[in-house]
């Protein structure tokens, strides 16, 4: 996916496109994770769709729950969704940081050919 060590770094325009592709992938991950949360809170906690969206958004964003779940299935779902959200955050951050980190490391290790 990325250029090897022996090749020069890609031009800025191509790098911008790469960053946009990574942002799209991160957005898809966020959408899927949010969808799982909305469906789970709606199904297990009995919240309406808007409250489910709010609850899932707050958990996924790292802000914490708005209201405490009252049933055992809702508590179990909230526990697993909180753990899942932490892992999703790490994955999303990795996807977003990867092209920038690669470009920095590539610039440090790439040696231009002497002309």
PDB file of N, CA and C in Angstrom:
ATOM      1  N   UNK A   1       0.813  -1.180   0.000  1.00  0.00           N
ATOM      2  CA  UNK A   1       0.000   0.000   0.000  1.00  0.00           C
ATOM      3  C   UNK A   1       0.863   1.253   0.000  1.00  0.00           C
ATOM      4  N   UNK A   2       1.936   1.227   0.746  1.00  0.00           N
ATOM      5  CA  UNK A   2       2.830   2.380   0.794  1.00  0.00           C
ATOM      6  C   UNK A   2       4.062   2.112  -0.058  1.00  0.00           C
ATOM      7  N   UNK A   3       4.739   3.190  -0.414  1.00  0.00           N
ATOM      8  CA  UNK A   3       5.943   3.031  -1.224  1.00  0.00           C
ATOM      9  C   UNK A   3       7.067   2.441  -0.358  1.00  0.00           C
ATOM     10  N   UNK A   4       7.916   1.598  -0.969  1.00  0.00           N
ATOM     11  CA  UNK A   4       9.004   0.970  -0.208  1.00  0.00           C
ATOM     12  C   UNK A   4      10.107   1.974   0.119  1.00  0.00           C
ATOM     13  N   UNK A   5      11.023   1.526   0.936  1.00  0.00           N
ATOM     14  CA  UNK A   5      12.086   2.392   1.436  1.00  0.00           C
ATOM     15  C   UNK A   5      12.957   2.975   0.325  1.00  0.00           C
ATOM     16  N   UNK A   6      13.191   2.224  -0.739  1.00  0.00           N
ATOM     17  CA  UNK A   6      14.078   2.689  -1.798  1.00  0.00           C
ATOM     18  C   UNK A   6      13.472   3.730  -2.722  1.00  0.00           C
ATOM     19  N   UNK A   7      12.175   3.908  -2.674  1.00  0.00           N
ATOM     20  CA  UNK A   7      11.519   4.881  -3.548  1.00  0.00           C
ATOM     21  C   UNK A   7      11.348   6.208  -2.820  1.00  0.00           C
ATOM     22  N   UNK A   8      11.303   7.294  -3.581  1.00  0.00           N
ATOM     23  CA  UNK A   8      11.106   8.601  -2.938  1.00  0.00           C
ATOM     24  C   UNK A   8       9.676   8.731  -2.408  1.00  0.00           C
ATOM     25  N   UNK A   9       9.476   9.636  -1.438  1.00  0.00           N
ATOM     26  CA  UNK A   9       8.111   9.861  -0.935  1.00  0.00           C
ATOM     27  C   UNK A   9       7.193  10.357  -2.058  1.00  0.00           C
ATOM     28  N   UNK A  10       5.928  10.027  -1.966  1.00  0.00           N
ATOM     29  CA  UNK A  10       4.989  10.432  -3.006  1.00  0.00           C
ATOM     30  C   UNK A  10       4.782  11.953  -2.963  1.00  0.00           C
ATOM     31  N   UNK A  11       4.360  12.538  -4.081  1.00  0.00           N
ATOM     32  CA  UNK A  11       4.113  13.982  -4.115  1.00  0.00           C
ATOM     33  C   UNK A  11       2.990  14.386  -3.146  1.00  0.00           C
ATOM     34  N   UNK A  12       2.967  15.657  -2.758  1.00  0.00           N
ATOM     35  CA  UNK A  12       1.963  16.117  -1.790  1.00  0.00           C
ATOM     36  C   UNK A  12       0.516  15.848  -2.216  1.00  0.00           C
ATOM     37  N   UNK A  13       0.218  15.983  -3.490  1.00  0.00           N
ATOM     38  CA  UNK A  13      -1.162  15.752  -3.952  1.00  0.00           C
ATOM     39  C   UNK A  13      -1.572  14.293  -3.730  1.00  0.00           C
ATOM     40  N   UNK A  14      -0.689  13.365  -4.057  1.00  0.00           N
ATOM     41  CA  UNK A  14      -0.979  11.948  -3.836  1.00  0.00           C
ATOM     42  C   UNK A  14      -1.068  11.637  -2.347  1.00  0.00           C
ATOM     43  N   UNK A  15      -0.230  12.305  -1.550  1.00  0.00           N
ATOM     44  CA  UNK A  15      -0.287  12.110  -0.108  1.00  0.00           C
ATOM     45  C   UNK A  15      -1.625  12.587   0.446  1.00  0.00           C
ATOM     46  N   UNK A  16      -2.117  13.717  -0.064  1.00  0.00           N
ATOM     47  CA  UNK A  16      -3.410  14.238   0.363  1.00  0.00           C
ATOM     48  C   UNK A  16      -4.522  13.236   0.041  1.00  0.00           C
ATOM     49  N   UNK A  17      -4.457  12.625  -1.136  1.00  0.00           N
ATOM     50  CA  UNK A  17      -5.452  11.615  -1.519  1.00  0.00           C
ATOM     51  C   UNK A  17      -5.358  10.409  -0.583  1.00  0.00           C
ATOM     52  N   UNK A  18      -4.146  10.022  -0.220  1.00  0.00           N
ATOM     53  CA  UNK A  18      -3.947   8.899   0.710  1.00  0.00           C
ATOM     54  C   UNK A  18      -4.571   9.222   2.062  1.00  0.00           C
ATOM     55  N   UNK A  19      -4.349  10.435   2.542  1.00  0.00           N
ATOM     56  CA  UNK A  19      -4.923  10.831   3.830  1.00  0.00           C
ATOM     57  C   UNK A  19      -6.450  10.823   3.746  1.00  0.00           C
ATOM     58  N   UNK A  20      -7.003  11.283   2.633  1.00  0.00           N
ATOM     59  CA  UNK A  20      -8.456  11.257   2.462  1.00  0.00           C
ATOM     60  C   UNK A  20      -9.001   9.834   2.464  1.00  0.00           C
ATOM     61  N   UNK A  21      -8.288   8.907   1.808  1.00  0.00           N
ATOM     62  CA  UNK A  21      -8.718   7.510   1.814  1.00  0.00           C
ATOM     63  C   UNK A  21      -8.717   6.945   3.233  1.00  0.00           C
ATOM     64  N   UNK A  22      -7.691   7.272   3.996  1.00  0.00           N
ATOM     65  CA  UNK A  22      -7.622   6.805   5.380  1.00  0.00           C
ATOM     66  C   UNK A  22      -8.733   7.428   6.216  1.00  0.00           C
ATOM     67  N   UNK A  23      -9.040   8.689   5.968  1.00  0.00           N
ATOM     68  CA  UNK A  23     -10.137   9.339   6.686  1.00  0.00           C
ATOM     69  C   UNK A  23     -11.466   8.665   6.348  1.00  0.00           C
ATOM     70  N   UNK A  24     -11.627   8.254   5.100  1.00  0.00           N
ATOM     71  CA  UNK A  24     -12.844   7.545   4.692  1.00  0.00           C
ATOM     72  C   UNK A  24     -12.950   6.209   5.421  1.00  0.00           C
ATOM     73  N   UNK A  25     -11.862   5.477   5.500  1.00  0.00           N
ATOM     74  CA  UNK A  25     -11.861   4.201   6.223  1.00  0.00           C
ATOM     75  C   UNK A  25     -12.185   4.428   7.699  1.00  0.00           C
ATOM     76  N   UNK A  26     -11.582   5.454   8.289  1.00  0.00           N
ATOM     77  CA  UNK A  26     -11.865   5.768   9.696  1.00  0.00           C
ATOM     78  C   UNK A  26     -13.336   6.136   9.868  1.00  0.00           C
ATOM     79  N   UNK A  27     -13.887   6.872   8.926  1.00  0.00           N
ATOM     80  CA  UNK A  27     -15.303   7.229   8.991  1.00  0.00           C
ATOM     81  C   UNK A  27     -16.207   6.014   8.916  1.00  0.00           C
ATOM     82  N   UNK A  28     -15.825   5.050   8.094  1.00  0.00           N
ATOM     83  CA  UNK A  28     -16.607   3.809   7.999  1.00  0.00           C
ATOM     84  C   UNK A  28     -16.546   3.050   9.324  1.00  0.00           C
ATOM     85  N   UNK A  29     -15.373   2.993   9.925  1.00  0.00           N
ATOM     86  CA  UNK A  29     -15.237   2.315  11.222  1.00  0.00           C
ATOM     87  C   UNK A  29     -16.100   3.012  12.274  1.00  0.00           C
ATOM     88  N   UNK A  30     -16.068   4.348  12.291  1.00  0.00           N
ATOM     89  CA  UNK A  30     -16.897   5.102  13.234  1.00  0.00           C
ATOM     90  C   UNK A  30     -18.371   4.810  12.984  1.00  0.00           C
ATOM     91  N   UNK A  31     -18.773   4.828  11.719  1.00  0.00           N
ATOM     92  CA  UNK A  31     -20.179   4.562  11.393  1.00  0.00           C
ATOM     93  C   UNK A  31     -20.631   3.182  11.828  1.00  0.00           C
ATOM     94  N   UNK A  32     -19.801   2.171  11.570  1.00  0.00           N
ATOM     95  CA  UNK A  32     -20.143   0.807  11.984  1.00  0.00           C
ATOM     96  C   UNK A  32     -20.221   0.685  13.509  1.00  0.00           C
ATOM     97  N   UNK A  33     -19.237   1.265  14.185  1.00  0.00           N
ATOM     98  CA  UNK A  33     -19.220   1.193  15.644  1.00  0.00           C
ATOM     99  C   UNK A  33     -20.416   1.940  16.233  1.00  0.00           C
ATOM    100  N   UNK A  34     -20.755   3.077  15.659  1.00  0.00           N
ATOM    101  CA  UNK A  34     -21.907   3.832  16.134  1.00  0.00           C
ATOM    102  C   UNK A  34     -23.199   3.071  15.862  1.00  0.00           C
ATOM    103  N   UNK A  35     -23.276   2.444  14.695  1.00  0.00           N
ATOM    104  CA  UNK A  35     -24.465   1.642  14.363  1.00  0.00           C
ATOM    105  C   UNK A  35     -24.657   0.491  15.330  1.00  0.00           C
ATOM    106  N   UNK A  36     -23.576  -0.187  15.680  1.00  0.00           N
ATOM    107  CA  UNK A  36     -23.652  -1.283  16.659  1.00  0.00           C
ATOM    108  C   UNK A  36     -24.178  -0.752  17.987  1.00  0.00           C
ATOM    109  N   UNK A  37     -23.675   0.389  18.409  1.00  0.00           N
ATOM    110  CA  UNK A  37     -24.111   0.973  19.674  1.00  0.00           C
ATOM    111  C   UNK A  37     -25.572   1.387  19.657  1.00  0.00           C
ATOM    112  N   UNK A  38     -25.992   2.035  18.579  1.00  0.00           N
ATOM    113  CA  UNK A  38     -27.387   2.475  18.481  1.00  0.00           C
ATOM    114  C   UNK A  38     -28.325   1.277  18.508  1.00  0.00           C
ATOM    115  N   UNK A  39     -28.014   0.273  17.707  1.00  0.00           N
ATOM    116  CA  UNK A  39     -28.866  -0.923  17.690  1.00  0.00           C
ATOM    117  C   UNK A  39     -28.879  -1.626  19.047  1.00  0.00           C
ATOM    118  N   UNK A  40     -27.728  -1.720  19.669  1.00  0.00           N
ATOM    119  CA  UNK A  40     -27.644  -2.392  20.967  1.00  0.00           C
ATOM    120  C   UNK A  40     -28.395  -1.657  22.059  1.00  0.00           C
ATOM    121  N   UNK A  41     -28.229  -0.352  22.135  1.00  0.00           N
ATOM    122  CA  UNK A  41     -28.950   0.404  23.164  1.00  0.00           C
ATOM    123  C   UNK A  41     -30.452   0.393  22.903  1.00  0.00           C
ATOM    124  N   UNK A  42     -30.831   0.413  21.644  1.00  0.00           N
ATOM    125  CA  UNK A  42     -32.255   0.354  21.324  1.00  0.00           C
ATOM    126  C   UNK A  42     -32.832  -1.008  21.704  1.00  0.00           C
ATOM    127  N   UNK A  43     -32.111  -2.051  21.394  1.00  0.00           N
ATOM    128  CA  UNK A  43     -32.603  -3.421  21.628  1.00  0.00           C
ATOM    129  C   UNK A  43     -32.530  -3.823  23.096  1.00  0.00           C
ATOM    130  N   UNK A  44     -31.375  -3.604  23.723  1.00  0.00           N
ATOM    131  CA  UNK A  44     -31.160  -4.133  25.072  1.00  0.00           C
ATOM    132  C   UNK A  44     -31.570  -3.171  26.185  1.00  0.00           C
ATOM    133  N   UNK A  45     -31.424  -1.867  25.957  1.00  0.00           N
ATOM    134  CA  UNK A  45     -31.783  -0.901  26.999  1.00  0.00           C
ATOM    135  C   UNK A  45     -33.182  -0.330  26.797  1.00  0.00           C
ATOM    136  N   UNK A  46     -33.787  -0.617  25.642  1.00  0.00           N
ATOM    137  CA  UNK A  46     -35.137  -0.140  25.391  1.00  0.00           C
ATOM    138  C   UNK A  46     -35.225   1.357  25.147  1.00  0.00           C
ATOM    139  N   UNK A  47     -34.124   1.977  24.767  1.00  0.00           N
ATOM    140  CA  UNK A  47     -34.125   3.419  24.501  1.00  0.00           C
ATOM    141  C   UNK A  47     -34.699   3.683  23.119  1.00  0.00           C
ATOM    142  N   UNK A  48     -35.286   4.863  22.930  1.00  0.00           N
ATOM    143  CA  UNK A  48     -35.743   5.206  21.583  1.00  0.00           C
ATOM    144  C   UNK A  48     -34.507   5.494  20.721  1.00  0.00           C
ATOM    145  N   UNK A  49     -34.724   5.675  19.432  1.00  0.00           N
ATOM    146  CA  UNK A  49     -33.601   5.779  18.498  1.00  0.00           C
ATOM    147  C   UNK A  49     -32.704   6.978  18.790  1.00  0.00           C
ATOM    148  N   UNK A  50     -33.283   8.105  19.113  1.00  0.00           N
ATOM    149  CA  UNK A  50     -32.482   9.302  19.365  1.00  0.00           C
ATOM    150  C   UNK A  50     -31.660   9.164  20.645  1.00  0.00           C
ATOM    151  N   UNK A  51     -32.284   8.632  21.691  1.00  0.00           N
ATOM    152  CA  UNK A  51     -31.544   8.408  22.937  1.00  0.00           C
ATOM    153  C   UNK A  51     -30.462   7.339  22.744  1.00  0.00           C
ATOM    154  N   UNK A  52     -30.745   6.340  21.923  1.00  0.00           N
ATOM    155  CA  UNK A  52     -29.734   5.314  21.616  1.00  0.00           C
ATOM    156  C   UNK A  52     -28.541   5.939  20.901  1.00  0.00           C
ATOM    157  N   UNK A  53     -28.825   6.822  19.955  1.00  0.00           N
ATOM    158  CA  UNK A  53     -27.748   7.518  19.244  1.00  0.00           C
ATOM    159  C   UNK A  53     -26.918   8.359  20.202  1.00  0.00           C
ATOM    160  N   UNK A  54     -27.582   9.091  21.083  1.00  0.00           N
ATOM    161  CA  UNK A  54     -26.871   9.917  22.061  1.00  0.00           C
ATOM    162  C   UNK A  54     -25.998   9.063  22.961  1.00  0.00           C
ATOM    163  N   UNK A  55     -26.560   7.987  23.482  1.00  0.00           N
ATOM    164  CA  UNK A  55     -25.810   7.118  24.394  1.00  0.00           C
ATOM    165  C   UNK A  55     -24.597   6.499  23.694  1.00  0.00           C
ATOM    166  N   UNK A  56     -24.814   5.966  22.492  1.00  0.00           N
ATOM    167  CA  UNK A  56     -23.714   5.343  21.750  1.00  0.00           C
ATOM    168  C   UNK A  56     -22.652   6.374  21.374  1.00  0.00           C
ATOM    169  N   UNK A  57     -23.068   7.558  20.993  1.00  0.00           N
ATOM    170  CA  UNK A  57     -22.115   8.613  20.627  1.00  0.00           C
ATOM    171  C   UNK A  57     -21.260   9.019  21.818  1.00  0.00           C
ATOM    172  N   UNK A  58     -21.892   9.154  22.965  1.00  0.00           N
ATOM    173  CA  UNK A  58     -21.144   9.562  24.156  1.00  0.00           C
ATOM    174  C   UNK A  58     -20.140   8.488  24.580  1.00  0.00           C
ATOM    175  N   UNK A  59     -20.535   7.228  24.498  1.00  0.00           N
ATOM    176  CA  UNK A  59     -19.617   6.150  24.860  1.00  0.00           C
ATOM    177  C   UNK A  59     -18.484   6.067  23.844  1.00  0.00           C
ATOM    178  N   UNK A  60     -18.837   6.077  22.562  1.00  0.00           N
ATOM    179  CA  UNK A  60     -17.817   5.958  21.518  1.00  0.00           C
ATOM    180  C   UNK A  60     -16.862   7.145  21.540  1.00  0.00           C
ATOM    181  N   UNK A  61     -17.373   8.310  21.881  1.00  0.00           N
ATOM    182  CA  UNK A  61     -16.527   9.502  21.957  1.00  0.00           C
ATOM    183  C   UNK A  61     -15.705   9.594  23.227  1.00  0.00           C
ATOM    184  N   UNK A  62     -15.914   8.677  24.161  1.00  0.00           N
ATOM    185  CA  UNK A  62     -15.123   8.666  25.380  1.00  0.00           C
ATOM    186  C   UNK A  62     -15.665   9.567  26.475  1.00  0.00           C
ATOM    187  N   UNK A  63     -16.870  10.076  26.319  1.00  0.00           N
ATOM    188  CA  UNK A  63     -17.422  11.000  27.304  1.00  0.00           C
ATOM    189  C   UNK A  63     -18.131  10.288  28.459  1.00  0.00           C
ATOM    190  N   UNK A  64     -18.548   9.067  28.248  1.00  0.00           N
ATOM    191  CA  UNK A  64     -19.232   8.327  29.290  1.00  0.00           C
ATOM    192  C   UNK A  64     -20.727   8.286  29.047  1.00  0.00           C
ATOM    193  N   UNK A  65     -21.413   7.446  29.806  1.00  0.00           N
ATOM    194  CA  UNK A  65     -22.852   7.278  29.583  1.00  0.00           C
ATOM    195  C   UNK A  65     -23.663   8.478  30.069  1.00  0.00           C
ATOM    196  N   UNK A  66     -24.836   8.655  29.475  1.00  0.00           N
ATOM    197  CA  UNK A  66     -25.768   9.696  29.894  1.00  0.00           C
ATOM    198  C   UNK A  66     -26.654   9.168  31.018  1.00  0.00           C
ATOM    199  N   UNK A  67     -27.199   7.971  30.819  1.00  0.00           N
ATOM    200  CA  UNK A  67     -28.051   7.368  31.842  1.00  0.00           C
ATOM    201  C   UNK A  67     -27.597   5.942  32.114  1.00  0.00           C
ATOM    202  N   UNK A  68     -27.750   5.537  33.354  1.00  0.00           N
ATOM    203  CA  UNK A  68     -27.319   4.192  33.741  1.00  0.00           C
ATOM    204  C   UNK A  68     -28.330   3.167  33.237  1.00  0.00           C
ATOM    205  N   UNK A  69     -27.837   2.040  32.699  1.00  0.00           N
ATOM    206  CA  UNK A  69     -28.769   0.982  32.274  1.00  0.00           C
ATOM    207  C   UNK A  69     -29.416   0.334  33.497  1.00  0.00           C
ATOM    208  N   UNK A  70     -30.665  -0.150  33.317  1.00  0.00           N
ATOM    209  CA  UNK A  70     -31.407  -0.677  34.462  1.00  0.00           C
ATOM    210  C   UNK A  70     -31.600  -2.186  34.429  1.00  0.00           C
ATOM    211  N   UNK A  71     -31.481  -2.809  33.256  1.00  0.00           N
ATOM    212  CA  UNK A  71     -31.690  -4.260  33.176  1.00  0.00           C
ATOM    213  C   UNK A  71     -30.347  -4.958  33.010  1.00  0.00           C
ATOM    214  N   UNK A  72     -30.322  -6.239  33.328  1.00  0.00           N
ATOM    215  CA  UNK A  72     -29.082  -7.010  33.195  1.00  0.00           C
ATOM    216  C   UNK A  72     -28.590  -7.052  31.751  1.00  0.00           C
ATOM    217  N   UNK A  73     -29.459  -7.312  30.751  1.00  0.00           N
ATOM    218  CA  UNK A  73     -28.950  -7.304  29.370  1.00  0.00           C
ATOM    219  C   UNK A  73     -28.400  -5.938  28.952  1.00  0.00           C
ATOM    220  N   UNK A  74     -29.036  -4.871  29.411  1.00  0.00           N
ATOM    221  CA  UNK A  74     -28.555  -3.525  29.078  1.00  0.00           C
ATOM    222  C   UNK A  74     -27.200  -3.262  29.726  1.00  0.00           C
ATOM    223  N   UNK A  75     -27.022  -3.716  30.939  1.00  0.00           N
ATOM    224  CA  UNK A  75     -25.739  -3.531  31.628  1.00  0.00           C
ATOM    225  C   UNK A  75     -24.637  -4.328  30.946  1.00  0.00           C
ATOM    226  N   UNK A  76     -24.951  -5.559  30.539  1.00  0.00           N
ATOM    227  CA  UNK A  76     -23.957  -6.367  29.829  1.00  0.00           C
ATOM    228  C   UNK A  76     -23.585  -5.722  28.491  1.00  0.00           C
ATOM    229  N   UNK A  77     -24.600  -5.278  27.750  1.00  0.00           N
ATOM    230  CA  UNK A  77     -24.304  -4.624  26.478  1.00  0.00           C
ATOM    231  C   UNK A  77     -23.467  -3.373  26.698  1.00  0.00           C
ATOM    232  N   UNK A  78     -23.833  -2.558  27.673  1.00  0.00           N
ATOM    233  CA  UNK A  78     -23.086  -1.323  27.938  1.00  0.00           C
ATOM    234  C   UNK A  78     -21.632  -1.631  28.296  1.00  0.00           C
ATOM    235  N   UNK A  79     -21.412  -2.692  29.048  1.00  0.00           N
ATOM    236  CA  UNK A  79     -20.043  -3.084  29.411  1.00  0.00           C
ATOM    237  C   UNK A  79     -19.229  -3.470  28.181  1.00  0.00           C
ATOM    238  N   UNK A  80     -19.807  -4.352  27.371  1.00  0.00           N
ATOM    239  CA  UNK A  80     -19.077  -4.805  26.180  1.00  0.00           C
ATOM    240  C   UNK A  80     -18.912  -3.686  25.159  1.00  0.00           C
ATOM    241  N   UNK A  81     -19.918  -2.834  25.032  1.00  0.00           N
ATOM    242  CA  UNK A  81     -19.816  -1.726  24.081  1.00  0.00           C
ATOM    243  C   UNK A  81     -18.750  -0.723  24.527  1.00  0.00           C
ATOM    244  N   UNK A  82     -18.623  -0.506  25.829  1.00  0.00           N
ATOM    245  CA  UNK A  82     -17.582   0.394  26.323  1.00  0.00           C
ATOM    246  C   UNK A  82     -16.188  -0.162  26.013  1.00  0.00           C
ATOM    247  N   UNK A  83     -16.001  -1.466  26.225  1.00  0.00           N
ATOM    248  CA  UNK A  83     -14.707  -2.083  25.892  1.00  0.00           C
ATOM    249  C   UNK A  83     -14.453  -2.043  24.392  1.00  0.00           C
ATOM    250  N   UNK A  84     -15.469  -2.361  23.614  1.00  0.00           N
ATOM    251  CA  UNK A  84     -15.362  -2.309  22.162  1.00  0.00           C
ATOM    252  C   UNK A  84     -15.024  -0.895  21.690  1.00  0.00           C
ATOM    253  N   UNK A  85     -15.633   0.110  22.309  1.00  0.00           N
ATOM    254  CA  UNK A  85     -15.393   1.494  21.911  1.00  0.00           C
ATOM    255  C   UNK A  85     -13.944   1.903  22.159  1.00  0.00           C
ATOM    256  N   UNK A  86     -13.374   1.411  23.244  1.00  0.00           N
ATOM    257  CA  UNK A  86     -11.965   1.701  23.507  1.00  0.00           C
ATOM    258  C   UNK A  86     -11.061   1.125  22.425  1.00  0.00           C
ATOM    259  N   UNK A  87     -11.355  -0.096  22.000  1.00  0.00           N
ATOM    260  CA  UNK A  87     -10.571  -0.710  20.922  1.00  0.00           C
ATOM    261  C   UNK A  87     -10.830  -0.025  19.583  1.00  0.00           C
ATOM    262  N   UNK A  88     -12.070   0.380  19.358  1.00  0.00           N
ATOM    263  CA  UNK A  88     -12.397   1.095  18.124  1.00  0.00           C
ATOM    264  C   UNK A  88     -11.644   2.419  18.071  1.00  0.00           C
ATOM    265  N   UNK A  89     -11.533   3.098  19.203  1.00  0.00           N
ATOM    266  CA  UNK A  89     -10.797   4.361  19.247  1.00  0.00           C
ATOM    267  C   UNK A  89      -9.340   4.157  18.847  1.00  0.00           C
ATOM    268  N   UNK A  90      -8.721   3.112  19.364  1.00  0.00           N
ATOM    269  CA  UNK A  90      -7.326   2.817  19.018  1.00  0.00           C
ATOM    270  C   UNK A  90      -7.202   2.509  17.522  1.00  0.00           C
ATOM    271  N   UNK A  91      -8.135   1.739  16.985  1.00  0.00           N
ATOM    272  CA  UNK A  91      -8.103   1.405  15.559  1.00  0.00           C
ATOM    273  C   UNK A  91      -8.287   2.657  14.696  1.00  0.00           C
ATOM    274  N   UNK A  92      -9.221   3.496  15.061  1.00  0.00           N
ATOM    275  CA  UNK A  92      -9.475   4.721  14.296  1.00  0.00           C
ATOM    276  C   UNK A  92      -8.264   5.639  14.351  1.00  0.00           C
ATOM    277  N   UNK A  93      -7.677   5.780  15.522  1.00  0.00           N
ATOM    278  CA  UNK A  93      -6.485   6.620  15.649  1.00  0.00           C
ATOM    279  C   UNK A  93      -5.341   6.056  14.808  1.00  0.00           C
ATOM    280  N   UNK A  94      -5.177   4.743  14.812  1.00  0.00           N
ATOM    281  CA  UNK A  94      -4.119   4.127  14.004  1.00  0.00           C
ATOM    282  C   UNK A  94      -4.314   4.351  12.521  1.00  0.00           C
ATOM    283  N   UNK A  95      -5.548   4.223  12.065  1.00  0.00           N
ATOM    284  CA  UNK A  95      -5.845   4.434  10.647  1.00  0.00           C
ATOM    285  C   UNK A  95      -5.551   5.884  10.257  1.00  0.00           C
ATOM    286  N   UNK A  96      -5.881   6.822  11.128  1.00  0.00           N
ATOM    287  CA  UNK A  96      -5.674   8.233  10.807  1.00  0.00           C
ATOM    288  C   UNK A  96      -4.192   8.643  10.891  1.00  0.00           C
ATOM    289  N   UNK A  97      -3.456   8.050  11.807  1.00  0.00           N
ATOM    290  CA  UNK A  97      -2.059   8.433  12.010  1.00  0.00           C
ATOM    291  C   UNK A  97      -1.126   7.736  11.025  1.00  0.00           C
ATOM    292  N   UNK A  98      -1.509   6.573  10.527  1.00  0.00           N
ATOM    293  CA  UNK A  98      -0.624   5.749   9.700  1.00  0.00           C
ATOM    294  C   UNK A  98       0.001   6.483   8.512  1.00  0.00           C
ATOM    295  N   UNK A  99      -0.748   7.212   7.669  1.00  0.00           N
ATOM    296  CA  UNK A  99      -0.091   7.833   6.519  1.00  0.00           C
ATOM    297  C   UNK A  99       0.894   8.937   6.920  1.00  0.00           C
ATOM    298  N   UNK A 100       0.570   9.676   7.965  1.00  0.00           N
ATOM    299  CA  UNK A 100       1.466  10.754   8.410  1.00  0.00           C
ATOM    300  C   UNK A 100       2.727  10.160   9.019  1.00  0.00           C
ATOM    301  N   UNK A 101       2.565   9.144   9.865  1.00  0.00           N
ATOM    302  CA  UNK A 101       3.728   8.498  10.480  1.00  0.00           C
ATOM    303  C   UNK A 101       4.615   7.864   9.418  1.00  0.00           C
ATOM    304  N   UNK A 102       3.998   7.204   8.428  1.00  0.00           N
ATOM    305  CA  UNK A 102       4.788   6.590   7.369  1.00  0.00           C
ATOM    306  C   UNK A 102       5.575   7.636   6.594  1.00  0.00           C
ATOM    307  N   UNK A 103       4.935   8.740   6.273  1.00  0.00           N
ATOM    308  CA  UNK A 103       5.613   9.787   5.504  1.00  0.00           C
ATOM    309  C   UNK A 103       6.794  10.359   6.288  1.00  0.00           C
ATOM    310  N   UNK A 104       6.609  10.599   7.576  1.00  0.00           N
ATOM    311  CA  UNK A 104       7.714  11.118   8.388  1.00  0.00           C
ATOM    312  C   UNK A 104       8.868  10.121   8.444  1.00  0.00           C
ATOM    313  N   UNK A 105       8.555   8.857   8.724  1.00  0.00           N
ATOM    314  CA  UNK A 105       9.612   7.848   8.800  1.00  0.00           C
ATOM    315  C   UNK A 105      10.271   7.634   7.437  1.00  0.00           C
ATOM    316  N   UNK A 106       9.470   7.687   6.393  1.00  0.00           N
ATOM    317  CA  UNK A 106      10.016   7.503   5.053  1.00  0.00           C
ATOM    318  C   UNK A 106      10.981   8.634   4.708  1.00  0.00           C
ATOM    319  N   UNK A 107      10.644   9.844   5.057  1.00  0.00           N
ATOM    320  CA  UNK A 107      11.532  10.981   4.787  1.00  0.00           C
ATOM    321  C   UNK A 107      12.841  10.860   5.545  1.00  0.00           C
ATOM    322  N   UNK A 108      12.789  10.361   6.785  1.00  0.00           N
ATOM    323  CA  UNK A 108      14.010  10.217   7.571  1.00  0.00           C
ATOM    324  C   UNK A 108      14.918   9.120   7.020  1.00  0.00           C
ATOM    325  N   UNK A 109      14.348   8.069   6.449  1.00  0.00           N
ATOM    326  CA  UNK A 109      15.137   6.930   6.001  1.00  0.00           C
ATOM    327  C   UNK A 109      15.475   6.946   4.518  1.00  0.00           C
ATOM    328  N   UNK A 110      14.782   7.723   3.745  1.00  0.00           N
ATOM    329  CA  UNK A 110      15.013   7.739   2.313  1.00  0.00           C
ATOM    330  C   UNK A 110      16.249   8.564   2.002  1.00  0.00           C
ATOM    331  N   UNK A 111      17.137   7.987   1.242  1.00  0.00           N
ATOM    332  CA  UNK A 111      18.359   8.698   0.853  1.00  0.00           C
ATOM    333  C   UNK A 111      18.262   9.017  -0.625  1.00  0.00           C
ATOM    334  N   UNK A 112      18.354  10.292  -0.936  1.00  0.00           N
ATOM    335  CA  UNK A 112      18.293  10.691  -2.341  1.00  0.00           C
ATOM    336  C   UNK A 112      19.551  10.208  -3.056  1.00  0.00           C
ATOM    337  N   UNK A 113      19.349   9.845  -4.318  1.00  0.00           N
ATOM    338  CA  UNK A 113      20.486   9.431  -5.142  1.00  0.00           C
ATOM    339  C   UNK A 113      21.361  10.638  -5.444  1.00  0.00           C
ATOM    340  N   UNK A 114      22.640  10.479  -5.361  1.00  0.00           N
ATOM    341  CA  UNK A 114      23.556  11.571  -5.703  1.00  0.00           C
ATOM    342  C   UNK A 114      23.507  11.789  -7.203  1.00  0.00           C
ATOM    343  N   UNK A 115      23.335  13.039  -7.594  1.00  0.00           N
ATOM    344  CA  UNK A 115      23.229  13.329  -9.037  1.00  0.00           C
ATOM    345  C   UNK A 115      24.592  13.633  -9.642  1.00  0.00           C
TER     346      UNK A 115
END
